[in-house]
């Protein structure tokens, strides 16, 4: 019996993948990827978290785009399914942007969201 292959929980643009590779390279051998999660914070309730990770945890979903490994925390999955992660540079700076179809609202400063 064949095992069904399911799509990745989130997609990563090439700009985000390139930035992830750059960040991982700055850590040398101490990081193999970036862990993505959400936590309770901000005026809308949830905020995205990004941290260096040396390996995937047992239940992490791993999204790999040419060496840009993103380890998605299992507790964050229900908030992130269908999200696109991008990296944007503008005149004021550069940051990861999350286009999340599950968001129902966002605070005025854009730091936190609600589902």
Protein backbone atom coordinates (compact mmCIF):
# COMPACT_ATOMS: atom_id res chain seq x y z
CA UNK A 1 0.00 0.00 0.00
CA UNK A 2 1.43 3.38 -1.02
CA UNK A 3 1.87 6.14 1.52
CA UNK A 4 0.14 9.38 0.60
CA UNK A 5 2.44 12.38 0.40
CA UNK A 6 0.84 15.41 1.94
CA UNK A 7 1.73 18.97 1.06
CA UNK A 8 3.98 21.02 3.31
CA UNK A 9 2.02 22.91 5.98
CA UNK A 10 3.45 26.21 4.78
CA UNK A 11 5.16 27.46 1.66
CA UNK A 12 8.38 29.45 1.54
CA UNK A 13 9.18 31.96 -1.19
CA UNK A 14 12.63 31.87 -2.77
CA UNK A 15 13.46 35.19 -1.05
CA UNK A 16 12.63 33.67 2.35
CA UNK A 17 14.56 30.49 1.54
CA UNK A 18 17.62 32.53 0.54
CA UNK A 19 17.46 34.51 3.79
CA UNK A 20 17.04 31.33 5.85
CA UNK A 21 20.14 29.87 4.16
CA UNK A 22 22.09 33.08 4.95
CA UNK A 23 21.03 32.99 8.60
CA UNK A 24 21.83 29.29 9.00
CA UNK A 25 25.26 29.85 7.43
CA UNK A 26 26.09 32.51 10.04
CA UNK A 27 25.83 29.84 12.74
CA UNK A 28 28.27 27.47 11.05
CA UNK A 29 27.90 23.92 12.34
CA UNK A 30 25.77 24.88 15.34
CA UNK A 31 22.46 25.26 13.46
CA UNK A 32 20.90 23.13 10.75
CA UNK A 33 17.67 25.10 10.44
CA UNK A 34 15.24 27.62 11.85
CA UNK A 35 12.37 26.63 14.17
CA UNK A 36 9.05 28.39 13.49
CA UNK A 37 6.35 28.59 16.12
CA UNK A 38 3.73 30.85 17.60
CA UNK A 39 3.31 32.09 21.15
CA UNK A 40 0.81 34.12 23.10
CA UNK A 41 1.91 37.76 22.94
CA UNK A 42 0.94 41.20 21.75
CA UNK A 43 -2.39 42.94 21.76
CA UNK A 44 -4.02 40.53 19.26
CA UNK A 45 -2.99 37.34 21.01
CA UNK A 46 -0.40 35.45 18.92
CA UNK A 47 2.98 36.23 17.43
CA UNK A 48 5.35 34.27 15.21
CA UNK A 49 8.63 33.01 16.69
CA UNK A 50 11.82 32.15 14.80
CA UNK A 51 14.82 30.56 16.51
CA UNK A 52 17.94 28.72 15.39
CA UNK A 53 17.67 24.95 15.73
CA UNK A 54 20.39 22.34 15.72
CA UNK A 55 18.00 19.54 14.74
CA UNK A 56 14.34 18.74 14.24
CA UNK A 57 12.33 17.53 17.21
CA UNK A 58 10.43 14.25 16.83
CA UNK A 59 7.11 15.91 15.98
CA UNK A 60 8.35 18.91 13.98
CA UNK A 61 7.21 19.27 10.38
CA UNK A 62 10.31 19.88 8.26
CA UNK A 63 10.02 22.13 5.22
CA UNK A 64 13.23 22.01 3.17
CA UNK A 65 13.80 24.24 0.17
CA UNK A 66 17.32 23.66 -1.08
CA UNK A 67 19.03 23.63 2.29
CA UNK A 68 16.74 26.18 3.89
CA UNK A 69 15.30 23.97 6.61
CA UNK A 70 12.32 25.27 8.52
CA UNK A 71 11.23 23.18 11.52
CA UNK A 72 7.56 23.91 12.26
CA UNK A 73 6.60 23.29 15.89
CA UNK A 74 3.68 20.86 16.25
CA UNK A 75 1.72 23.18 18.57
CA UNK A 76 1.87 25.91 15.90
CA UNK A 77 0.54 23.76 13.05
CA UNK A 78 -3.15 24.61 13.47
CA UNK A 79 -2.32 28.31 13.22
CA UNK A 80 0.05 28.02 10.25
CA UNK A 81 -1.49 25.62 7.71
CA UNK A 82 -1.67 27.35 4.35
CA UNK A 83 0.68 30.18 5.33
CA UNK A 84 3.24 31.59 2.92
CA UNK A 85 6.52 32.82 4.44
CA UNK A 86 8.25 35.61 2.52
CA UNK A 87 11.24 37.87 3.10
CA UNK A 88 10.81 41.51 2.13
CA UNK A 89 13.29 44.38 1.96
CA UNK A 90 12.07 47.97 1.81
CA UNK A 91 13.40 51.44 2.64
CA UNK A 92 12.75 50.93 6.35
CA UNK A 93 14.41 47.55 6.71
CA UNK A 94 13.94 43.88 6.02
CA UNK A 95 11.84 41.18 7.66
CA UNK A 96 10.03 37.91 7.24
CA UNK A 97 6.37 38.37 6.32
CA UNK A 98 3.70 35.77 6.88
CA UNK A 99 0.68 35.65 4.59
CA UNK A 100 -1.61 33.54 6.75
CA UNK A 101 -5.13 32.70 5.51
CA UNK A 102 -6.09 31.75 9.09
CA UNK A 103 -5.62 35.28 10.44
CA UNK A 104 -8.86 37.01 11.35
CA UNK A 105 -7.25 40.18 12.67
CA UNK A 106 -3.92 41.89 13.25
CA UNK A 107 -2.84 44.57 15.70
CA UNK A 108 -2.10 48.09 14.43
CA UNK A 109 1.67 47.67 14.58
CA UNK A 110 1.53 44.31 12.79
CA UNK A 111 3.38 42.47 15.56
CA UNK A 112 0.61 40.07 16.58
CA UNK A 113 -2.45 38.38 15.09
CA UNK A 114 -5.59 36.48 15.99
CA UNK A 115 -7.20 33.48 14.33
